[in-house]
Amino acid sequence: QCVGEIEYTDLAAAERECDLFLGATDGRSPSFAERFMTAASPGVIATILLSEHYRTHEEYISVLAREMRKEYALIHARGLVLQVDCPDLAMERSRFFQDDPLERFLAMVDLHVDAINQATEGIPADRIRLHVCWGNYDGPHTHDVPLEPLLPRLYRARVGALSLPLANPRHQHEYKVLKRKPPPAPMLLLPGVIDSTTNYVEHPEVVADRICQAVDAVGERTRVIASTDCGFGTFAGSENVAESVVWAKLRALREGADLATERLWR
């Protein structure tokens, strides 16, 4: 919980994390076309660490945006793409707002998107990704908010790419929504084509089909980057997927992307 004034005074831990990541990926062959570092959104911090100090949620979010700007700026300064992880923009509908009208939840989404724009001011949009999800857990997801009412609000975020977990069985159909309401150019779509919560290994043909669905929705093959739904280690000490299966899934992602490339560029 938040029990006092928030001030981000020591970036040493974030610096070390960047150092570890860059050290692990520098000089690899083949080299990486691009590298990104994740960071928590102001909104997800506020909904996980509830405040007993600030009088209103709006005040709390504004302070978090001001302070998280320091970490976001550090990641950008290290030459990494910033991925702002925002499960609050979807998952919180079924947690804190399950008994409220949809409009109240959507008002919170608007507030949290404004906070992201405030916190990332000064970083070029094409160096920022927005990851939105309904929770990285193996569960029914029957109370998830649909994607459609979220999209206009997500598109207000000043970012260059939108990451969505579209391998989630409750949301695989929402390519149809994206086709009706595609991301505004030049925003990229990072569709999850690999489920990060199960030990099933997707067939490369399935991966290729999902990538092609995303391209069809966006309308441009160069504005899609195939991705996993979420990370494979969201909760410390509680992984859903065996390490050997993680690597098998990533191989399927690579092979499926190759198949999709053959289809889309032939």
C-alpha atoms as a PDB file:
ATOM      1  CA  GLN A   1       0.000   0.000   0.000  1.00  0.00           C
ATOM      2  CA  CYS A   2       0.922   3.629  -0.421  1.00  0.00           C
ATOM      3  CA  VAL A   3       1.079   5.233   3.021  1.00  0.00           C
ATOM      4  CA  GLY A   4       3.037   8.424   2.309  1.00  0.00           C
ATOM      5  CA  GLU A   5       4.339  10.819  -0.308  1.00  0.00           C
ATOM      6  CA  ILE A   6       5.793   9.120  -3.388  1.00  0.00           C
ATOM      7  CA  GLU A   7       9.189  10.145  -4.723  1.00  0.00           C
ATOM      8  CA  TYR A   8      11.403   8.067  -7.024  1.00  0.00           C
ATOM      9  CA  THR A   9      14.819   9.053  -5.692  1.00  0.00           C
ATOM     10  CA  ASP A  10      17.091   6.123  -6.574  1.00  0.00           C
ATOM     11  CA  LEU A  11      17.169   4.699 -10.107  1.00  0.00           C
ATOM     12  CA  ALA A  12      20.017   2.286  -9.318  1.00  0.00           C
ATOM     13  CA  ALA A  13      17.823  -0.837  -9.477  1.00  0.00           C
ATOM     14  CA  ALA A  14      16.416   0.186 -12.860  1.00  0.00           C
ATOM     15  CA  GLU A  15      19.947   0.956 -14.069  1.00  0.00           C
ATOM     16  CA  ARG A  16      21.104  -2.528 -13.012  1.00  0.00           C
ATOM     17  CA  GLU A  17      18.187  -4.140 -14.813  1.00  0.00           C
ATOM     18  CA  CYS A  18      19.081  -2.301 -18.017  1.00  0.00           C
ATOM     19  CA  ASP A  19      22.748  -3.268 -17.570  1.00  0.00           C
ATOM     20  CA  LEU A  20      21.857  -6.948 -17.146  1.00  0.00           C
ATOM     21  CA  PHE A  21      19.602  -6.962 -20.183  1.00  0.00           C
ATOM     22  CA  LEU A  22      22.031  -5.123 -22.434  1.00  0.00           C
ATOM     23  CA  GLY A  23      24.907  -7.295 -21.241  1.00  0.00           C
ATOM     24  CA  ALA A  24      22.951 -10.455 -22.016  1.00  0.00           C
ATOM     25  CA  THR A  25      21.962  -9.319 -25.503  1.00  0.00           C
ATOM     26  CA  ASP A  26      24.956  -7.316 -26.752  1.00  0.00           C
ATOM     27  CA  GLY A  27      27.152  -9.054 -29.304  1.00  0.00           C
ATOM     28  CA  ARG A  28      24.729 -11.898 -29.993  1.00  0.00           C
ATOM     29  CA  SER A  29      24.630 -13.479 -33.424  1.00  0.00           C
ATOM     30  CA  PRO A  30      22.310 -12.994 -35.127  1.00  0.00           C
ATOM     31  CA  SER A  31      21.928  -9.527 -33.654  1.00  0.00           C
ATOM     32  CA  PHE A  32      18.635  -8.131 -32.426  1.00  0.00           C
ATOM     33  CA  ALA A  33      16.823  -5.747 -34.745  1.00  0.00           C
ATOM     34  CA  GLU A  34      15.329  -4.041 -31.704  1.00  0.00           C
ATOM     35  CA  ARG A  35      15.243  -4.505 -27.942  1.00  0.00           C
ATOM     36  CA  PHE A  36      12.599  -3.396 -25.482  1.00  0.00           C
ATOM     37  CA  MET A  37      12.351  -3.101 -21.720  1.00  0.00           C
ATOM     38  CA  THR A  38       9.088  -3.338 -19.812  1.00  0.00           C
ATOM     39  CA  ALA A  39       7.958  -1.019 -17.041  1.00  0.00           C
ATOM     40  CA  ALA A  40       4.767  -0.869 -15.004  1.00  0.00           C
ATOM     41  CA  SER A  41       2.182   1.720 -15.949  1.00  0.00           C
ATOM     42  CA  PRO A  42       1.058   4.307 -13.391  1.00  0.00           C
ATOM     43  CA  GLY A  43      -2.370   2.680 -13.486  1.00  0.00           C
ATOM     44  CA  VAL A  44      -1.281  -0.852 -12.686  1.00  0.00           C
ATOM     45  CA  ILE A  45       0.858   0.402  -9.805  1.00  0.00           C
ATOM     46  CA  ALA A  46      -2.165   2.252  -8.435  1.00  0.00           C
ATOM     47  CA  THR A  47      -4.460  -0.762  -8.679  1.00  0.00           C
ATOM     48  CA  ILE A  48      -1.976  -3.190  -7.109  1.00  0.00           C
ATOM     49  CA  LEU A  49      -0.593  -0.865  -4.418  1.00  0.00           C
ATOM     50  CA  LEU A  50      -3.726   0.848  -3.169  1.00  0.00           C
ATOM     51  CA  SER A  51      -3.332   4.268  -1.607  1.00  0.00           C
ATOM     52  CA  GLU A  52      -4.181   5.182   1.945  1.00  0.00           C
ATOM     53  CA  HIS A  53      -2.390   8.508   1.622  1.00  0.00           C
ATOM     54  CA  TYR A  54      -3.729  10.451  -1.358  1.00  0.00           C
ATOM     55  CA  ARG A  55      -7.242  11.819  -1.118  1.00  0.00           C
ATOM     56  CA  THR A  56      -8.347  10.773  -4.604  1.00  0.00           C
ATOM     57  CA  HIS A  57      -7.410   8.214  -7.219  1.00  0.00           C
ATOM     58  CA  GLU A  58      -6.830  11.061  -9.665  1.00  0.00           C
ATOM     59  CA  GLU A  59      -4.247  12.653  -7.374  1.00  0.00           C
ATOM     60  CA  TYR A  60      -2.518   9.311  -6.805  1.00  0.00           C
ATOM     61  CA  ILE A  61      -2.325   8.556 -10.541  1.00  0.00           C
ATOM     62  CA  SER A  62      -0.940  11.999 -11.327  1.00  0.00           C
ATOM     63  CA  VAL A  63       1.865  11.610  -8.775  1.00  0.00           C
ATOM     64  CA  LEU A  64       2.697   8.117 -10.051  1.00  0.00           C
ATOM     65  CA  ALA A  65       2.869   9.421 -13.620  1.00  0.00           C
ATOM     66  CA  ARG A  66       5.220  12.198 -12.535  1.00  0.00           C
ATOM     67  CA  GLU A  67       7.559   9.813 -10.721  1.00  0.00           C
ATOM     68  CA  MET A  68       7.466   6.919 -13.220  1.00  0.00           C
ATOM     69  CA  ARG A  69       8.521   9.361 -15.917  1.00  0.00           C
ATOM     70  CA  LYS A  70      12.022   9.079 -14.421  1.00  0.00           C
ATOM     71  CA  GLU A  71      12.200   5.319 -15.038  1.00  0.00           C
ATOM     72  CA  TYR A  72      10.674   5.609 -18.502  1.00  0.00           C
ATOM     73  CA  ALA A  73      13.188   8.302 -19.463  1.00  0.00           C
ATOM     74  CA  LEU A  74      16.045   6.114 -18.199  1.00  0.00           C
ATOM     75  CA  ILE A  75      14.952   3.152 -20.333  1.00  0.00           C
ATOM     76  CA  HIS A  76      14.698   5.391 -23.382  1.00  0.00           C
ATOM     77  CA  ALA A  77      18.093   6.963 -22.675  1.00  0.00           C
ATOM     78  CA  ARG A  78      19.672   3.496 -22.630  1.00  0.00           C
ATOM     79  CA  GLY A  79      18.586   2.997 -26.242  1.00  0.00           C
ATOM     80  CA  LEU A  80      15.773   0.568 -25.465  1.00  0.00           C
ATOM     81  CA  VAL A  81      12.193   0.688 -26.657  1.00  0.00           C
ATOM     82  CA  LEU A  82       9.943   1.336 -23.659  1.00  0.00           C
ATOM     83  CA  GLN A  83       7.067  -1.116 -23.210  1.00  0.00           C
ATOM     84  CA  VAL A  84       4.538   0.181 -20.710  1.00  0.00           C
ATOM     85  CA  ASP A  85       2.677  -2.794 -19.224  1.00  0.00           C
ATOM     86  CA  CYS A  86      -0.961  -1.876 -18.624  1.00  0.00           C
ATOM     87  CA  PRO A  87      -3.147  -4.750 -17.418  1.00  0.00           C
ATOM     88  CA  ASP A  88      -5.155  -2.088 -15.598  1.00  0.00           C
ATOM     89  CA  LEU A  89      -6.635  -1.007 -18.940  1.00  0.00           C
ATOM     90  CA  ALA A  90      -8.475  -4.328 -19.355  1.00  0.00           C
ATOM     91  CA  MET A  91      -8.041  -6.720 -16.412  1.00  0.00           C
ATOM     92  CA  GLU A  92      -9.318  -4.307 -13.768  1.00  0.00           C
ATOM     93  CA  ARG A  93     -12.830  -4.450 -15.226  1.00  0.00           C
ATOM     94  CA  SER A  94     -13.243  -7.930 -13.713  1.00  0.00           C
ATOM     95  CA  ARG A  95     -11.469  -7.065 -10.453  1.00  0.00           C
ATOM     96  CA  PHE A  96     -12.333  -3.610  -9.113  1.00  0.00           C
ATOM     97  CA  PHE A  97     -15.201  -2.714 -11.441  1.00  0.00           C
ATOM     98  CA  GLN A  98     -17.075  -6.002 -11.800  1.00  0.00           C
ATOM     99  CA  ASP A  99     -20.227  -4.648 -10.128  1.00  0.00           C
ATOM    100  CA  ASP A 100     -20.092  -1.191 -11.733  1.00  0.00           C
ATOM    101  CA  PRO A 101     -21.496   0.093 -15.021  1.00  0.00           C
ATOM    102  CA  LEU A 102     -19.078  -0.243 -17.933  1.00  0.00           C
ATOM    103  CA  GLU A 103     -18.978   3.543 -18.272  1.00  0.00           C
ATOM    104  CA  ARG A 104     -17.328   3.904 -14.869  1.00  0.00           C
ATOM    105  CA  PHE A 105     -14.557   1.505 -15.824  1.00  0.00           C
ATOM    106  CA  LEU A 106     -14.064   3.250 -19.175  1.00  0.00           C
ATOM    107  CA  ALA A 107     -13.706   6.580 -17.372  1.00  0.00           C
ATOM    108  CA  MET A 108     -10.851   5.031 -15.386  1.00  0.00           C
ATOM    109  CA  VAL A 109      -9.270   3.811 -18.641  1.00  0.00           C
ATOM    110  CA  ASP A 110      -9.397   7.373 -19.980  1.00  0.00           C
ATOM    111  CA  LEU A 111      -7.749   8.677 -16.815  1.00  0.00           C
ATOM    112  CA  HIS A 112      -5.010   6.041 -16.938  1.00  0.00           C
ATOM    113  CA  VAL A 113      -4.278   6.656 -20.635  1.00  0.00           C
ATOM    114  CA  ASP A 114      -3.902  10.361 -19.850  1.00  0.00           C
ATOM    115  CA  ALA A 115      -1.425   9.409 -17.110  1.00  0.00           C
ATOM    116  CA  ILE A 116       0.613   7.328 -19.574  1.00  0.00           C
ATOM    117  CA  ASN A 117       0.761  10.257 -21.981  1.00  0.00           C
ATOM    118  CA  GLN A 118       1.860  12.514 -19.128  1.00  0.00           C
ATOM    119  CA  ALA A 119       4.539  10.074 -17.965  1.00  0.00           C
ATOM    120  CA  THR A 120       6.006   9.474 -21.437  1.00  0.00           C
ATOM    121  CA  GLU A 121       6.108  13.097 -22.536  1.00  0.00           C
ATOM    122  CA  GLY A 122       9.363  13.794 -24.346  1.00  0.00           C
ATOM    123  CA  ILE A 123       9.889  10.215 -25.558  1.00  0.00           C
ATOM    124  CA  PRO A 124       9.173   9.727 -29.288  1.00  0.00           C
ATOM    125  CA  ALA A 125       6.001   7.721 -29.859  1.00  0.00           C
ATOM    126  CA  ASP A 126       7.815   5.223 -32.060  1.00  0.00           C
ATOM    127  CA  ARG A 127      10.004   4.317 -29.067  1.00  0.00           C
ATOM    128  CA  ILE A 128       7.029   3.344 -26.888  1.00  0.00           C
ATOM    129  CA  ARG A 129       4.847   0.232 -26.849  1.00  0.00           C
ATOM    130  CA  LEU A 130       1.621  -0.202 -24.914  1.00  0.00           C
ATOM    131  CA  HIS A 131       0.901  -3.720 -23.626  1.00  0.00           C
ATOM    132  CA  VAL A 132      -2.709  -4.248 -22.598  1.00  0.00           C
ATOM    133  CA  CYS A 133      -4.035  -7.551 -21.251  1.00  0.00           C
ATOM    134  CA  TRP A 134      -6.816  -9.250 -19.315  1.00  0.00           C
ATOM    135  CA  GLY A 135      -4.419 -10.896 -16.870  1.00  0.00           C
ATOM    136  CA  ASN A 136      -1.667 -13.423 -17.554  1.00  0.00           C
ATOM    137  CA  TYR A 137      -3.286 -16.383 -15.823  1.00  0.00           C
ATOM    138  CA  ASP A 138      -4.792 -19.732 -16.797  1.00  0.00           C
ATOM    139  CA  GLY A 139      -8.439 -19.139 -15.928  1.00  0.00           C
ATOM    140  CA  PRO A 140     -11.916 -18.894 -17.480  1.00  0.00           C
ATOM    141  CA  HIS A 141     -11.710 -15.170 -18.419  1.00  0.00           C
ATOM    142  CA  THR A 142     -15.489 -15.219 -18.798  1.00  0.00           C
ATOM    143  CA  HIS A 143     -15.837 -11.812 -17.145  1.00  0.00           C
ATOM    144  CA  ASP A 144     -13.255 -10.034 -19.317  1.00  0.00           C
ATOM    145  CA  VAL A 145     -14.292  -6.722 -20.814  1.00  0.00           C
ATOM    146  CA  PRO A 146     -14.572  -6.943 -24.627  1.00  0.00           C
ATOM    147  CA  LEU A 147     -11.890  -5.228 -26.675  1.00  0.00           C
ATOM    148  CA  GLU A 148     -14.243  -3.081 -28.755  1.00  0.00           C
ATOM    149  CA  PRO A 149     -15.121  -0.368 -26.202  1.00  0.00           C
ATOM    150  CA  LEU A 150     -11.459  -0.134 -25.196  1.00  0.00           C
ATOM    151  CA  LEU A 151      -9.971   0.474 -28.629  1.00  0.00           C
ATOM    152  CA  PRO A 152     -10.848   4.175 -29.104  1.00  0.00           C
ATOM    153  CA  ARG A 153      -9.325   4.869 -25.704  1.00  0.00           C
ATOM    154  CA  LEU A 154      -6.193   2.804 -26.323  1.00  0.00           C
ATOM    155  CA  TYR A 155      -5.677   4.598 -29.623  1.00  0.00           C
ATOM    156  CA  ARG A 156      -5.454   7.882 -27.683  1.00  0.00           C
ATOM    157  CA  ALA A 157      -2.215   6.701 -26.106  1.00  0.00           C
ATOM    158  CA  ARG A 158       0.771   8.465 -27.650  1.00  0.00           C
ATOM    159  CA  VAL A 159       2.592   5.263 -28.539  1.00  0.00           C
ATOM    160  CA  GLY A 160       3.961   3.618 -31.647  1.00  0.00           C
ATOM    161  CA  ALA A 161       2.701   0.091 -31.025  1.00  0.00           C
ATOM    162  CA  LEU A 162      -0.127  -1.732 -29.277  1.00  0.00           C
ATOM    163  CA  SER A 163       0.413  -5.228 -27.837  1.00  0.00           C
ATOM    164  CA  LEU A 164      -2.686  -7.397 -27.299  1.00  0.00           C
ATOM    165  CA  PRO A 165      -2.989 -11.045 -26.103  1.00  0.00           C
ATOM    166  CA  LEU A 166      -4.950 -12.397 -29.060  1.00  0.00           C
ATOM    167  CA  ALA A 167      -3.964 -16.044 -28.520  1.00  0.00           C
ATOM    168  CA  ASN A 168      -6.120 -15.957 -25.383  1.00  0.00           C
ATOM    169  CA  PRO A 169      -9.081 -18.220 -26.297  1.00  0.00           C
ATOM    170  CA  ARG A 170     -11.587 -15.638 -25.018  1.00  0.00           C
ATOM    171  CA  HIS A 171     -10.194 -12.997 -27.357  1.00  0.00           C
ATOM    172  CA  GLN A 172      -9.043 -14.813 -30.493  1.00  0.00           C
ATOM    173  CA  HIS A 173     -12.171 -13.636 -32.314  1.00  0.00           C
ATOM    174  CA  GLU A 174     -11.364  -9.979 -31.728  1.00  0.00           C
ATOM    175  CA  TYR A 175      -9.324  -9.685 -34.908  1.00  0.00           C
ATOM    176  CA  LYS A 176     -12.780  -8.942 -36.323  1.00  0.00           C
ATOM    177  CA  VAL A 177     -13.035  -5.934 -34.015  1.00  0.00           C
ATOM    178  CA  LEU A 178      -9.576  -4.751 -35.058  1.00  0.00           C
ATOM    179  CA  LYS A 179     -10.566  -5.021 -38.703  1.00  0.00           C
ATOM    180  CA  ARG A 180     -13.593  -2.797 -38.063  1.00  0.00           C
ATOM    181  CA  LYS A 181     -11.537  -0.386 -35.964  1.00  0.00           C
ATOM    182  CA  PRO A 182      -7.903  -0.764 -37.058  1.00  0.00           C
ATOM    183  CA  PRO A 183      -5.028   1.000 -35.300  1.00  0.00           C
ATOM    184  CA  PRO A 184      -4.431   4.480 -36.709  1.00  0.00           C
ATOM    185  CA  ALA A 185      -1.385   4.683 -38.967  1.00  0.00           C
ATOM    186  CA  PRO A 186       1.488   4.458 -38.299  1.00  0.00           C
ATOM    187  CA  MET A 187       0.715   2.568 -35.049  1.00  0.00           C
ATOM    188  CA  LEU A 188       1.932  -1.042 -35.128  1.00  0.00           C
ATOM    189  CA  LEU A 189      -0.029  -4.031 -33.854  1.00  0.00           C
ATOM    190  CA  LEU A 190       1.798  -6.641 -31.770  1.00  0.00           C
ATOM    191  CA  PRO A 191      -0.669  -9.527 -31.693  1.00  0.00           C
ATOM    192  CA  GLY A 192      -0.110 -12.321 -29.222  1.00  0.00           C
ATOM    193  CA  VAL A 193       0.074 -15.447 -31.371  1.00  0.00           C
ATOM    194  CA  ILE A 194       1.497 -17.660 -28.592  1.00  0.00           C
ATOM    195  CA  ASP A 195      -0.419 -18.371 -25.368  1.00  0.00           C
ATOM    196  CA  SER A 196       1.838 -17.649 -22.386  1.00  0.00           C
ATOM    197  CA  THR A 197      -0.278 -19.528 -19.826  1.00  0.00           C
ATOM    198  CA  THR A 198      -0.470 -23.109 -21.152  1.00  0.00           C
ATOM    199  CA  ASN A 199       1.993 -25.887 -21.916  1.00  0.00           C
ATOM    200  CA  TYR A 200       0.479 -26.604 -25.306  1.00  0.00           C
ATOM    201  CA  VAL A 201       2.949 -25.750 -28.080  1.00  0.00           C
ATOM    202  CA  GLU A 202       1.245 -23.993 -30.957  1.00  0.00           C
ATOM    203  CA  HIS A 203       1.790 -25.460 -34.421  1.00  0.00           C
ATOM    204  CA  PRO A 204       3.700 -23.092 -36.733  1.00  0.00           C
ATOM    205  CA  GLU A 205       0.788 -23.193 -39.189  1.00  0.00           C
ATOM    206  CA  VAL A 206      -1.530 -21.910 -36.455  1.00  0.00           C
ATOM    207  CA  VAL A 207       0.954 -19.154 -35.661  1.00  0.00           C
ATOM    208  CA  ALA A 208       1.126 -18.208 -39.343  1.00  0.00           C
ATOM    209  CA  ASP A 209      -2.673 -18.124 -39.577  1.00  0.00           C
ATOM    210  CA  ARG A 210      -2.853 -15.760 -36.613  1.00  0.00           C
ATOM    211  CA  ILE A 211      -0.217 -13.454 -38.057  1.00  0.00           C
ATOM    212  CA  CYS A 212      -2.081 -13.311 -41.358  1.00  0.00           C
ATOM    213  CA  GLN A 213      -5.312 -12.524 -39.498  1.00  0.00           C
ATOM    214  CA  ALA A 214      -3.560  -9.596 -37.847  1.00  0.00           C
ATOM    215  CA  VAL A 215      -2.222  -8.314 -41.161  1.00  0.00           C
ATOM    216  CA  ASP A 216      -5.696  -8.572 -42.659  1.00  0.00           C
ATOM    217  CA  ALA A 217      -7.102  -6.563 -39.755  1.00  0.00           C
ATOM    218  CA  VAL A 218      -4.463  -3.828 -39.884  1.00  0.00           C
ATOM    219  CA  GLY A 219      -4.334  -3.696 -43.674  1.00  0.00           C
ATOM    220  CA  GLU A 220      -0.534  -3.438 -43.924  1.00  0.00           C
ATOM    221  CA  ARG A 221       1.868  -6.338 -43.539  1.00  0.00           C
ATOM    222  CA  THR A 222       4.691  -4.087 -42.322  1.00  0.00           C
ATOM    223  CA  ARG A 223       2.675  -2.877 -39.321  1.00  0.00           C
ATOM    224  CA  VAL A 224       2.453  -6.245 -37.554  1.00  0.00           C
ATOM    225  CA  ILE A 225       5.057  -7.782 -35.215  1.00  0.00           C
ATOM    226  CA  ALA A 226       4.218 -11.303 -34.052  1.00  0.00           C
ATOM    227  CA  SER A 227       4.460 -11.618 -30.277  1.00  0.00           C
ATOM    228  CA  THR A 228       3.581 -13.739 -27.284  1.00  0.00           C
ATOM    229  CA  ASP A 229       0.437 -12.899 -25.326  1.00  0.00           C
ATOM    230  CA  CYS A 230       2.378 -11.830 -22.231  1.00  0.00           C
ATOM    231  CA  GLY A 231       5.600 -12.746 -20.472  1.00  0.00           C
ATOM    232  CA  PHE A 232       6.377 -16.251 -19.264  1.00  0.00           C
ATOM    233  CA  GLY A 233       7.478 -15.145 -15.794  1.00  0.00           C
ATOM    234  CA  THR A 234       4.954 -12.551 -14.654  1.00  0.00           C
ATOM    235  CA  PHE A 235       4.846 -13.714 -11.038  1.00  0.00           C
ATOM    236  CA  ALA A 236       8.109 -14.417  -9.233  1.00  0.00           C
ATOM    237  CA  GLY A 237       8.352 -18.074  -8.256  1.00  0.00           C
ATOM    238  CA  SER A 238       5.077 -19.015  -9.968  1.00  0.00           C
ATOM    239  CA  GLU A 239       5.575 -19.907 -13.616  1.00  0.00           C
ATOM    240  CA  ASN A 240       2.746 -21.568 -15.548  1.00  0.00           C
ATOM    241  CA  VAL A 241       4.868 -22.904 -18.398  1.00  0.00           C
ATOM    242  CA  ALA A 242       7.879 -25.228 -18.124  1.00  0.00           C
ATOM    243  CA  GLU A 243      11.124 -23.633 -19.317  1.00  0.00           C
ATOM    244  CA  SER A 244      11.656 -26.250 -22.030  1.00  0.00           C
ATOM    245  CA  VAL A 245       8.140 -25.580 -23.313  1.00  0.00           C
ATOM    246  CA  VAL A 246       8.780 -21.827 -23.354  1.00  0.00           C
ATOM    247  CA  TRP A 247      11.665 -22.362 -25.771  1.00  0.00           C
ATOM    248  CA  ALA A 248       9.546 -24.735 -27.872  1.00  0.00           C
ATOM    249  CA  LYS A 249       6.829 -22.088 -28.066  1.00  0.00           C
ATOM    250  CA  LEU A 250       9.349 -19.445 -29.137  1.00  0.00           C
ATOM    251  CA  ARG A 251      10.645 -21.786 -31.847  1.00  0.00           C
ATOM    252  CA  ALA A 252       7.067 -22.225 -33.049  1.00  0.00           C
ATOM    253  CA  LEU A 253       6.749 -18.437 -33.123  1.00  0.00           C
ATOM    254  CA  ARG A 254       9.866 -18.143 -35.276  1.00  0.00           C
ATOM    255  CA  GLU A 255       8.776 -20.945 -37.626  1.00  0.00           C
ATOM    256  CA  GLY A 256       5.251 -19.572 -37.885  1.00  0.00           C
ATOM    257  CA  ALA A 257       6.579 -16.106 -38.694  1.00  0.00           C
ATOM    258  CA  ASP A 258       8.670 -17.612 -41.487  1.00  0.00           C
ATOM    259  CA  LEU A 259       5.576 -19.309 -42.913  1.00  0.00           C
ATOM    260  CA  ALA A 260       3.580 -16.075 -42.697  1.00  0.00           C
ATOM    261  CA  THR A 261       6.377 -14.207 -44.462  1.00  0.00           C
ATOM    262  CA  GLU A 262       6.248 -16.695 -47.319  1.00  0.00           C
ATOM    263  CA  ARG A 263       2.491 -16.191 -47.632  1.00  0.00           C
ATOM    264  CA  LEU A 264       2.514 -12.408 -47.344  1.00  0.00           C
ATOM    265  CA  TRP A 265       5.507 -11.651 -49.559  1.00  0.00           C
ATOM    266  CA  ARG A 266       5.136 -14.325 -52.227  1.00  0.00           C
END
